[in-house]
Amino acid sequence: MRYTTLLLIAALFSAPAQAGERDSRDMEILLAQSLHSIGNNKLDVALNEVDSLLKVNPNFKLAQLVKGDLLLAHSQALNNFGNAPNAPQDRIEDLRDEARVRLQRVQQQQPFKATPKYLWQLDAEQHYAIVVDTSKATLYLYENVNGEPHYVADYYISVGKNGADKVSEGDHRTPLGVYFINSKLTKDKLTDFYGSEAFPLSYPNEWDRRHGRDGHGIWLHGTPSDTYSRPPRASSGCVVLANDDLLQLGKLVQVGHTPVIITGQMDWSDESDRTERSSLLAEIEKWRNDWASRDSDAYLSHYAQDFSTGEVKLAAFSQQKRLVNSGKTWIKVTLSKLSAFPYPGQPGLVVVNFEQDYGSNNLSNRMLKRQYWMKRNNKWQIVYEGSA
């Protein structure tokens, strides 16, 4: 990437930097200001601006590279981004890629009013939700306001060296799907490589295992203490944030509750999504009523021919349910804390979680349940069911 390309991108930015703040967007705006000054041949101004940026975070390697170019500009013209002689070309290319992505993020309008199509419904205990767009190296944070997501912030991230859509152990790809934060690892339990803290995700999920995807250890985590950020594609599959950004995020996420939806490209909700959500919620209610009615045929009609619990297929599941229902004189089922998340890259597939309170003449229990509903031929059916 030549400097002329970067300068054209930087010239488009208009947002002012906020003094004292240290999240990704502010660092990106400071970087764009410096490049804009270079484009106007105000090299001394640019050097002061990049020095200000490095005072905020001296380990920002991209800013260090820009400063090196500015110092070199006193003796030669700036043509390429990263003019330092004998610099490792792979590292320079990584930093060029980071510059491109960060400047594109500065241009992006923050989605204050837009809603991702992946957050159809949040339950009351899910205070926040995360959507990761691997194509734009961006993590979006949303707050749950009466069940609807409201934009809070977005952060620059790094993903797998080989991009997205993880299939197997060691492929250096970031998975695409609907996941949840399983636990929190504090700094004292980590090596310096993982930064300030880490949040393991529930990869592989039920859909991954069904399709033979394997591997483990996909986390949200930070950067080493001597590194502000990493290139857009640099991890072994994890989602990596700057430590300051991760610490902000870590104050808000909830182990066992916060969903992390990872997509190859962000899509935004429209009226058709709202219609589809309403039709799915109506079908879930019908499934509940049919179960409570003890009409096994009606109840089992909600399950697809390729349904499984992971181990049990439809035929065995149906046989067991008919046997159980034959011994009931009454059944009562109530659902609460329901959430629904369309699955990235899988049209018509939605992950549904809820708390199920089941009662009958000879059994009562309460459990957290997860279902995968698929719409085929204009009909919603369950393709997976199990405990959450």
Protein backbone atom coordinates (compact mmCIF):
# COMPACT_ATOMS: atom_id res chain seq x y z
CA MET A 1 0.00 0.00 0.00
CA ARG A 2 1.44 3.35 -1.02
CA TYR A 3 1.22 6.46 1.11
CA THR A 4 -0.98 8.09 -1.52
CA THR A 5 -3.63 5.43 -0.92
CA LEU A 6 -3.50 5.92 2.84
CA LEU A 7 -3.65 9.69 2.47
CA LEU A 8 -6.73 9.50 0.26
CA ILE A 9 -8.45 7.43 2.93
CA ALA A 10 -7.28 9.69 5.76
CA ALA A 11 -8.50 12.80 3.94
CA LEU A 12 -12.08 11.55 4.23
CA PHE A 13 -12.18 11.50 8.02
CA SER A 14 -13.90 14.33 9.90
CA ALA A 15 -14.40 13.15 13.49
CA PRO A 16 -12.38 15.04 16.12
CA ALA A 17 -10.21 13.14 18.58
CA GLN A 18 -11.33 13.13 22.20
CA ALA A 19 -8.49 14.03 24.54
CA GLY A 20 -7.80 11.58 27.30
CA GLU A 21 -9.74 8.66 25.86
CA ARG A 22 -7.88 5.54 24.84
CA ASP A 23 -10.17 3.23 22.94
CA SER A 24 -9.51 2.02 19.41
CA ARG A 25 -11.54 4.65 17.61
CA ASP A 26 -9.75 7.53 19.30
CA MET A 27 -6.36 6.03 18.46
CA GLU A 28 -7.50 5.60 14.86
CA ILE A 29 -8.67 9.21 14.64
CA LEU A 30 -5.33 10.42 15.99
CA LEU A 31 -3.59 8.27 13.37
CA ALA A 32 -5.80 9.65 10.60
CA GLN A 33 -5.04 13.21 11.74
CA SER A 34 -1.34 12.55 11.42
CA LEU A 35 -1.70 11.04 7.94
CA HIS A 36 -3.94 13.93 6.91
CA SER A 37 -1.20 16.36 7.93
CA ILE A 38 1.30 14.36 5.87
CA GLY A 39 -1.02 14.69 2.89
CA ASN A 40 -1.02 18.46 3.38
CA ASN A 41 2.80 18.39 3.57
CA LYS A 42 2.68 19.53 7.19
CA LEU A 43 5.30 17.06 8.31
CA ASP A 44 6.20 18.83 11.55
CA VAL A 45 2.52 18.94 12.53
CA ALA A 46 2.19 15.28 11.62
CA LEU A 47 5.20 14.42 13.77
CA ASN A 48 3.72 16.27 16.74
CA GLU A 49 0.44 14.45 16.26
CA VAL A 50 2.00 11.02 16.07
CA ASP A 51 4.14 11.86 19.11
CA SER A 52 0.93 12.71 20.98
CA LEU A 53 -0.48 9.36 19.93
CA LEU A 54 2.62 7.54 21.16
CA LYS A 55 2.41 9.35 24.50
CA VAL A 56 -1.01 7.80 24.94
CA ASN A 57 0.33 4.37 24.00
CA PRO A 58 4.06 4.02 23.31
CA ASN A 59 3.62 0.39 22.18
CA PHE A 60 1.47 1.26 19.16
CA LYS A 61 3.75 -0.21 16.46
CA LEU A 62 1.79 1.28 13.58
CA ALA A 63 2.30 4.76 15.02
CA GLN A 64 5.98 3.97 15.53
CA LEU A 65 6.22 3.12 11.82
CA VAL A 66 4.59 6.41 10.81
CA LYS A 67 7.00 8.30 13.06
CA GLY A 68 9.92 6.45 11.51
CA ASP A 69 8.72 7.47 8.04
CA LEU A 70 8.40 11.09 9.15
CA LEU A 71 11.91 11.16 10.53
CA LEU A 72 13.17 9.57 7.31
CA ALA A 73 11.30 12.22 5.31
CA HIS A 74 13.90 14.78 6.34
CA SER A 75 16.35 13.06 3.98
CA GLN A 76 14.12 11.54 1.27
CA ALA A 77 10.62 11.71 -0.19
CA LEU A 78 7.84 9.57 1.24
CA ASN A 79 6.67 7.12 -1.41
CA ASN A 80 5.77 3.84 0.26
CA PHE A 81 4.30 3.28 3.69
CA GLY A 82 7.17 1.89 5.74
CA ASN A 83 10.25 3.36 4.06
CA ALA A 84 12.74 2.10 6.63
CA PRO A 85 15.60 0.27 4.90
CA ASN A 86 16.03 -3.44 5.64
CA ALA A 87 12.67 -3.58 7.45
CA PRO A 88 11.10 -7.11 7.43
CA GLN A 89 8.62 -7.02 4.56
CA ASP A 90 6.13 -9.35 6.24
CA ARG A 91 5.94 -7.06 9.26
CA ILE A 92 5.59 -4.00 7.05
CA GLU A 93 2.75 -5.64 5.11
CA ASP A 94 1.00 -6.47 8.38
CA LEU A 95 1.22 -2.84 9.48
CA ARG A 96 0.02 -1.61 6.10
CA ASP A 97 -2.97 -3.90 6.45
CA GLU A 98 -3.66 -2.56 9.94
CA ALA A 99 -3.42 1.03 8.67
CA ARG A 100 -5.92 0.30 5.90
CA VAL A 101 -8.41 -1.34 8.25
CA ARG A 102 -8.11 1.33 10.95
CA LEU A 103 -8.57 4.18 8.49
CA GLN A 104 -11.58 2.46 6.97
CA ARG A 105 -13.01 2.17 10.48
CA VAL A 106 -12.60 5.93 10.91
CA GLN A 107 -14.67 6.43 7.77
CA GLN A 108 -17.42 4.09 8.91
CA GLN A 109 -20.47 5.72 10.38
CA GLN A 110 -21.09 4.39 13.86
CA PRO A 111 -24.35 2.39 13.80
CA PHE A 112 -26.21 4.34 16.46
CA LYS A 113 -29.64 3.41 15.11
CA ALA A 114 -28.97 0.25 13.10
CA THR A 115 -29.57 -3.19 14.63
CA PRO A 116 -27.64 -6.31 13.65
CA LYS A 117 -29.85 -9.03 12.17
CA TYR A 118 -28.23 -11.52 14.55
CA LEU A 119 -29.85 -10.16 17.73
CA TRP A 120 -33.54 -10.91 17.37
CA GLN A 121 -34.22 -11.14 21.08
CA LEU A 122 -32.20 -10.86 24.28
CA ASP A 123 -33.40 -12.19 27.61
CA ALA A 124 -33.50 -9.92 30.66
CA GLU A 125 -30.32 -11.39 32.15
CA GLN A 126 -28.28 -10.74 29.00
CA HIS A 127 -27.30 -7.16 29.74
CA TYR A 128 -24.98 -6.92 26.73
CA ALA A 129 -24.34 -8.70 23.45
CA ILE A 130 -21.32 -8.80 21.15
CA VAL A 131 -21.24 -9.09 17.37
CA VAL A 132 -17.87 -9.60 15.64
CA ASP A 133 -17.48 -8.68 11.96
CA THR A 134 -14.34 -10.49 10.84
CA SER A 135 -14.34 -8.78 7.42
CA LYS A 136 -13.97 -5.34 9.03
CA ALA A 137 -11.82 -6.37 12.01
CA THR A 138 -14.47 -4.88 14.27
CA LEU A 139 -16.22 -5.97 17.45
CA TYR A 140 -19.58 -4.28 18.16
CA LEU A 141 -20.98 -4.01 21.69
CA TYR A 142 -24.74 -3.69 22.28
CA GLU A 143 -26.71 -3.06 25.45
CA ASN A 144 -29.99 -4.85 26.15
CA VAL A 145 -32.71 -2.21 26.54
CA ASN A 146 -36.04 -3.94 27.18
CA GLY A 147 -35.04 -6.90 25.04
CA GLU A 148 -33.75 -4.81 22.13
CA PRO A 149 -30.06 -4.17 21.34
CA HIS A 150 -28.74 -0.60 21.48
CA TYR A 151 -25.31 0.30 20.13
CA VAL A 152 -22.69 1.15 22.78
CA ALA A 153 -19.26 1.00 21.10
CA ASP A 154 -17.09 -0.76 18.55
CA TYR A 155 -13.47 -1.86 18.74
CA TYR A 156 -10.66 -2.80 16.37
CA ILE A 157 -9.77 -6.49 16.64
CA SER A 158 -7.47 -9.15 15.20
CA VAL A 159 -8.76 -12.53 14.02
CA GLY A 160 -7.24 -15.73 12.66
CA LYS A 161 -4.17 -15.60 10.41
CA ASN A 162 -6.10 -17.47 7.72
CA GLY A 163 -9.33 -15.54 8.16
CA ALA A 164 -12.69 -16.86 9.30
CA ASP A 165 -14.84 -20.02 9.13
CA LYS A 166 -12.87 -22.39 11.34
CA VAL A 167 -13.13 -26.09 10.42
CA SER A 168 -10.38 -27.95 12.22
CA GLU A 169 -7.80 -27.79 14.96
CA GLY A 170 -4.77 -25.75 13.95
CA ASP A 171 -6.25 -24.14 10.82
CA HIS A 172 -5.63 -20.64 12.27
CA ARG A 173 -9.17 -19.53 11.45
CA THR A 174 -11.77 -17.80 13.60
CA PRO A 175 -15.09 -19.67 13.82
CA LEU A 176 -18.36 -18.23 12.54
CA GLY A 177 -21.44 -18.83 14.64
CA VAL A 178 -23.37 -18.14 17.83
CA TYR A 179 -21.30 -18.58 20.97
CA PHE A 180 -21.38 -17.63 24.64
CA ILE A 181 -18.75 -16.53 27.13
CA ASN A 182 -17.97 -19.62 29.20
CA SER A 183 -15.56 -18.24 31.79
CA LYS A 184 -13.17 -15.44 32.71
CA LEU A 185 -9.42 -15.83 33.09
CA THR A 186 -7.68 -13.08 35.03
CA LYS A 187 -4.14 -11.89 34.34
CA ASP A 188 -2.63 -13.98 37.13
CA LYS A 189 -3.85 -17.13 35.35
CA LEU A 190 -2.42 -16.17 31.94
CA THR A 191 0.92 -15.78 30.26
CA ASP A 192 1.76 -12.27 29.08
CA PHE A 193 0.87 -13.24 25.50
CA TYR A 194 -2.87 -13.16 26.31
CA GLY A 195 -2.82 -9.68 27.81
CA SER A 196 -4.93 -8.25 30.62
CA GLU A 197 -7.59 -11.00 30.75
CA ALA A 198 -9.33 -13.59 28.60
CA PHE A 199 -12.84 -14.89 28.00
CA PRO A 200 -13.09 -18.46 26.60
CA LEU A 201 -15.98 -18.97 24.16
CA SER A 202 -18.25 -21.99 23.69
CA TYR A 203 -16.58 -23.20 20.49
CA PRO A 204 -17.29 -25.77 19.17
CA ASN A 205 -21.04 -25.36 19.68
CA GLU A 206 -23.74 -27.91 18.85
CA TRP A 207 -23.90 -26.87 15.19
CA ASP A 208 -20.12 -27.05 14.83
CA ARG A 209 -19.99 -30.57 16.24
CA ARG A 210 -22.88 -31.66 14.03
CA HIS A 211 -20.84 -30.61 10.99
CA GLY A 212 -17.57 -32.12 12.13
CA ARG A 213 -15.83 -28.89 13.09
CA ASP A 214 -13.31 -29.36 15.84
CA GLY A 215 -10.61 -27.53 17.73
CA HIS A 216 -10.77 -25.66 21.02
CA GLY A 217 -9.43 -22.66 22.90
CA ILE A 218 -11.20 -19.84 21.04
CA TRP A 219 -11.04 -16.81 23.34
CA LEU A 220 -11.55 -13.10 23.50
CA HIS A 221 -8.21 -11.91 24.85
CA GLY A 222 -5.73 -9.04 24.94
CA THR A 223 -2.23 -8.39 23.69
CA PRO A 224 1.25 -8.79 25.22
CA SER A 225 2.36 -5.96 27.51
CA ASP A 226 4.80 -4.63 24.88
CA THR A 227 2.16 -4.56 22.10
CA TYR A 228 -0.74 -2.14 21.72
CA SER A 229 -2.43 -4.03 18.87
CA ARG A 230 -1.86 -6.81 16.37
CA PRO A 231 -2.53 -6.89 12.60
CA PRO A 232 -6.10 -7.67 11.46
CA ARG A 233 -5.15 -11.29 10.76
CA ALA A 234 -2.64 -12.41 13.35
CA SER A 235 -4.15 -14.85 15.85
CA SER A 236 -4.46 -18.63 15.87
CA GLY A 237 -8.24 -18.21 15.74
CA CYS A 238 -9.02 -16.07 18.78
CA VAL A 239 -10.54 -12.59 18.74
CA VAL A 240 -7.87 -10.20 20.05
CA LEU A 241 -8.43 -6.67 21.38
CA ALA A 242 -6.11 -4.00 22.73
CA ASN A 243 -5.81 -4.44 26.50
CA ASP A 244 -7.48 -1.11 27.28
CA ASP A 245 -10.43 -2.03 25.06
CA LEU A 246 -10.70 -5.50 26.58
CA LEU A 247 -10.71 -4.08 30.10
CA GLN A 248 -13.60 -1.80 29.15
CA LEU A 249 -15.45 -4.72 27.63
CA GLY A 250 -14.63 -7.04 30.53
CA LYS A 251 -16.51 -4.82 32.97
CA LEU A 252 -19.74 -5.43 31.07
CA VAL A 253 -19.78 -9.01 29.81
CA GLN A 254 -21.30 -11.81 31.90
CA VAL A 255 -19.99 -15.34 32.10
CA GLY A 256 -22.69 -17.77 30.96
CA HIS A 257 -24.95 -15.04 29.61
CA THR A 258 -23.25 -12.77 27.08
CA PRO A 259 -23.69 -13.98 23.48
CA VAL A 260 -20.83 -13.52 21.04
CA ILE A 261 -22.01 -13.78 17.44
CA ILE A 262 -19.13 -14.00 14.95
CA THR A 263 -19.96 -13.28 11.32
CA GLY A 264 -18.02 -13.00 8.10
CA GLN A 265 -19.93 -9.85 7.21
CA MET A 266 -22.26 -7.69 9.27
CA ASP A 267 -25.86 -7.59 8.06
CA TRP A 268 -28.41 -5.18 9.48
CA SER A 269 -31.99 -5.84 10.49
CA ASP A 270 -34.93 -4.76 8.36
CA GLU A 271 -38.70 -5.22 8.33
CA SER A 272 -38.43 -8.76 6.96
CA ASP A 273 -36.33 -9.74 9.99
CA ARG A 274 -39.00 -8.45 12.33
CA THR A 275 -41.63 -10.44 10.44
CA GLU A 276 -39.52 -13.61 10.59
CA ARG A 277 -38.89 -13.12 14.30
CA SER A 278 -42.60 -12.81 14.98
CA SER A 279 -43.36 -15.96 13.00
CA LEU A 280 -40.68 -17.94 14.87
CA LEU A 281 -41.87 -16.77 18.28
CA ALA A 282 -45.43 -17.76 17.31
CA GLU A 283 -44.19 -21.23 16.29
CA ILE A 284 -42.32 -21.66 19.58
CA GLU A 285 -45.52 -20.84 21.43
CA LYS A 286 -47.42 -23.37 19.31
CA TRP A 287 -44.75 -26.01 20.10
CA ARG A 288 -45.25 -25.30 23.82
CA ASN A 289 -49.03 -25.55 23.56
CA ASP A 290 -48.90 -28.77 21.54
CA TRP A 291 -46.58 -30.34 24.12
CA ALA A 292 -48.91 -29.32 26.95
CA SER A 293 -51.92 -30.71 25.06
CA ARG A 294 -50.40 -34.25 25.14
CA ASP A 295 -51.14 -34.54 21.40
CA SER A 296 -47.94 -36.34 20.43
CA ASP A 297 -48.51 -36.06 16.68
CA ALA A 298 -48.98 -32.30 16.87
CA TYR A 299 -46.02 -31.94 19.23
CA LEU A 300 -43.64 -34.06 17.11
CA SER A 301 -44.65 -32.23 13.91
CA HIS A 302 -42.40 -29.40 15.11
CA TYR A 303 -39.29 -31.59 14.73
CA ALA A 304 -37.46 -31.88 11.40
CA GLN A 305 -36.65 -35.21 9.77
CA ASP A 306 -32.94 -34.54 10.34
CA PHE A 307 -33.49 -33.61 14.01
CA SER A 308 -31.08 -34.86 16.63
CA THR A 309 -30.10 -34.17 20.22
CA GLY A 310 -26.51 -34.74 19.24
CA GLU A 311 -26.78 -38.47 19.88
CA VAL A 312 -30.47 -39.35 19.50
CA LYS A 313 -32.15 -39.10 16.08
CA LEU A 314 -35.79 -38.30 15.36
CA ALA A 315 -37.11 -41.88 15.33
CA ALA A 316 -35.76 -42.77 18.77
CA PHE A 317 -36.67 -39.33 20.14
CA SER A 318 -40.27 -39.68 18.88
CA GLN A 319 -40.63 -43.17 20.32
CA GLN A 320 -39.43 -42.04 23.72
CA LYS A 321 -41.69 -38.94 23.75
CA ARG A 322 -44.79 -40.95 22.80
CA LEU A 323 -44.04 -43.42 25.58
CA VAL A 324 -43.59 -40.64 28.15
CA ASN A 325 -46.71 -38.75 27.05
CA SER A 326 -48.84 -41.89 27.29
CA GLY A 327 -48.25 -41.93 31.03
CA LYS A 328 -49.38 -38.34 31.59
CA THR A 329 -52.82 -37.18 32.66
CA TRP A 330 -51.77 -33.52 32.43
CA ILE A 331 -48.74 -31.47 31.34
CA LYS A 332 -47.94 -27.83 31.97
CA VAL A 333 -45.01 -26.08 30.28
CA THR A 334 -43.96 -22.46 30.75
CA LEU A 335 -41.04 -20.69 29.06
CA SER A 336 -39.12 -17.66 30.31
CA LYS A 337 -35.86 -15.80 29.63
CA LEU A 338 -36.15 -16.50 25.91
CA SER A 339 -33.46 -15.28 23.50
CA ALA A 340 -33.16 -15.77 19.73
CA PHE A 341 -30.07 -15.34 17.54
CA PRO A 342 -30.04 -15.95 13.76
CA TYR A 343 -26.96 -17.98 12.81
CA PRO A 344 -24.38 -16.20 10.60
CA GLY A 345 -23.97 -17.73 7.16
CA GLN A 346 -26.85 -20.18 7.67
CA PRO A 347 -30.05 -18.68 6.18
CA GLY A 348 -33.15 -19.66 8.13
CA LEU A 349 -31.27 -21.05 11.16
CA VAL A 350 -31.90 -19.50 14.59
CA VAL A 351 -30.47 -20.42 18.00
CA VAL A 352 -33.13 -20.18 20.72
CA ASN A 353 -32.45 -20.37 24.45
CA PHE A 354 -34.97 -20.32 27.28
CA GLU A 355 -35.69 -21.49 30.79
CA GLN A 356 -38.25 -24.29 30.72
CA ASP A 357 -40.49 -25.05 33.68
CA TYR A 358 -42.12 -28.46 33.10
CA GLY A 359 -44.77 -29.98 35.31
CA SER A 360 -46.95 -33.10 35.01
CA ASN A 361 -48.88 -35.53 37.20
CA ASN A 362 -45.69 -37.50 37.94
CA LEU A 363 -42.71 -35.22 37.19
CA SER A 364 -41.62 -31.62 37.63
CA ASN A 365 -38.34 -30.02 36.58
CA ARG A 366 -36.78 -26.75 35.51
CA MET A 367 -33.95 -26.51 32.99
CA LEU A 368 -32.16 -24.20 30.59
CA LYS A 369 -32.83 -25.43 27.07
CA ARG A 370 -31.31 -24.66 23.69
CA GLN A 371 -32.99 -25.32 20.36
CA TYR A 372 -31.90 -24.72 16.78
CA TRP A 373 -34.89 -23.83 14.60
CA MET A 374 -34.62 -24.01 10.80
CA LYS A 375 -37.08 -22.54 8.33
CA ARG A 376 -37.55 -24.72 5.25
CA ASN A 377 -40.33 -24.53 2.70
CA ASN A 378 -41.85 -21.68 4.71
CA LYS A 379 -42.08 -23.86 7.84
CA TRP A 380 -40.13 -23.53 11.10
CA GLN A 381 -38.93 -26.82 12.59
CA ILE A 382 -36.50 -27.89 15.31
CA VAL A 383 -33.26 -29.48 14.08
CA TYR A 384 -31.52 -29.68 17.47
CA GLU A 385 -32.64 -29.68 21.10
CA GLY A 386 -30.68 -30.08 24.31
CA SER A 387 -29.74 -28.48 27.59
CA ALA A 388 -28.04 -25.08 27.45
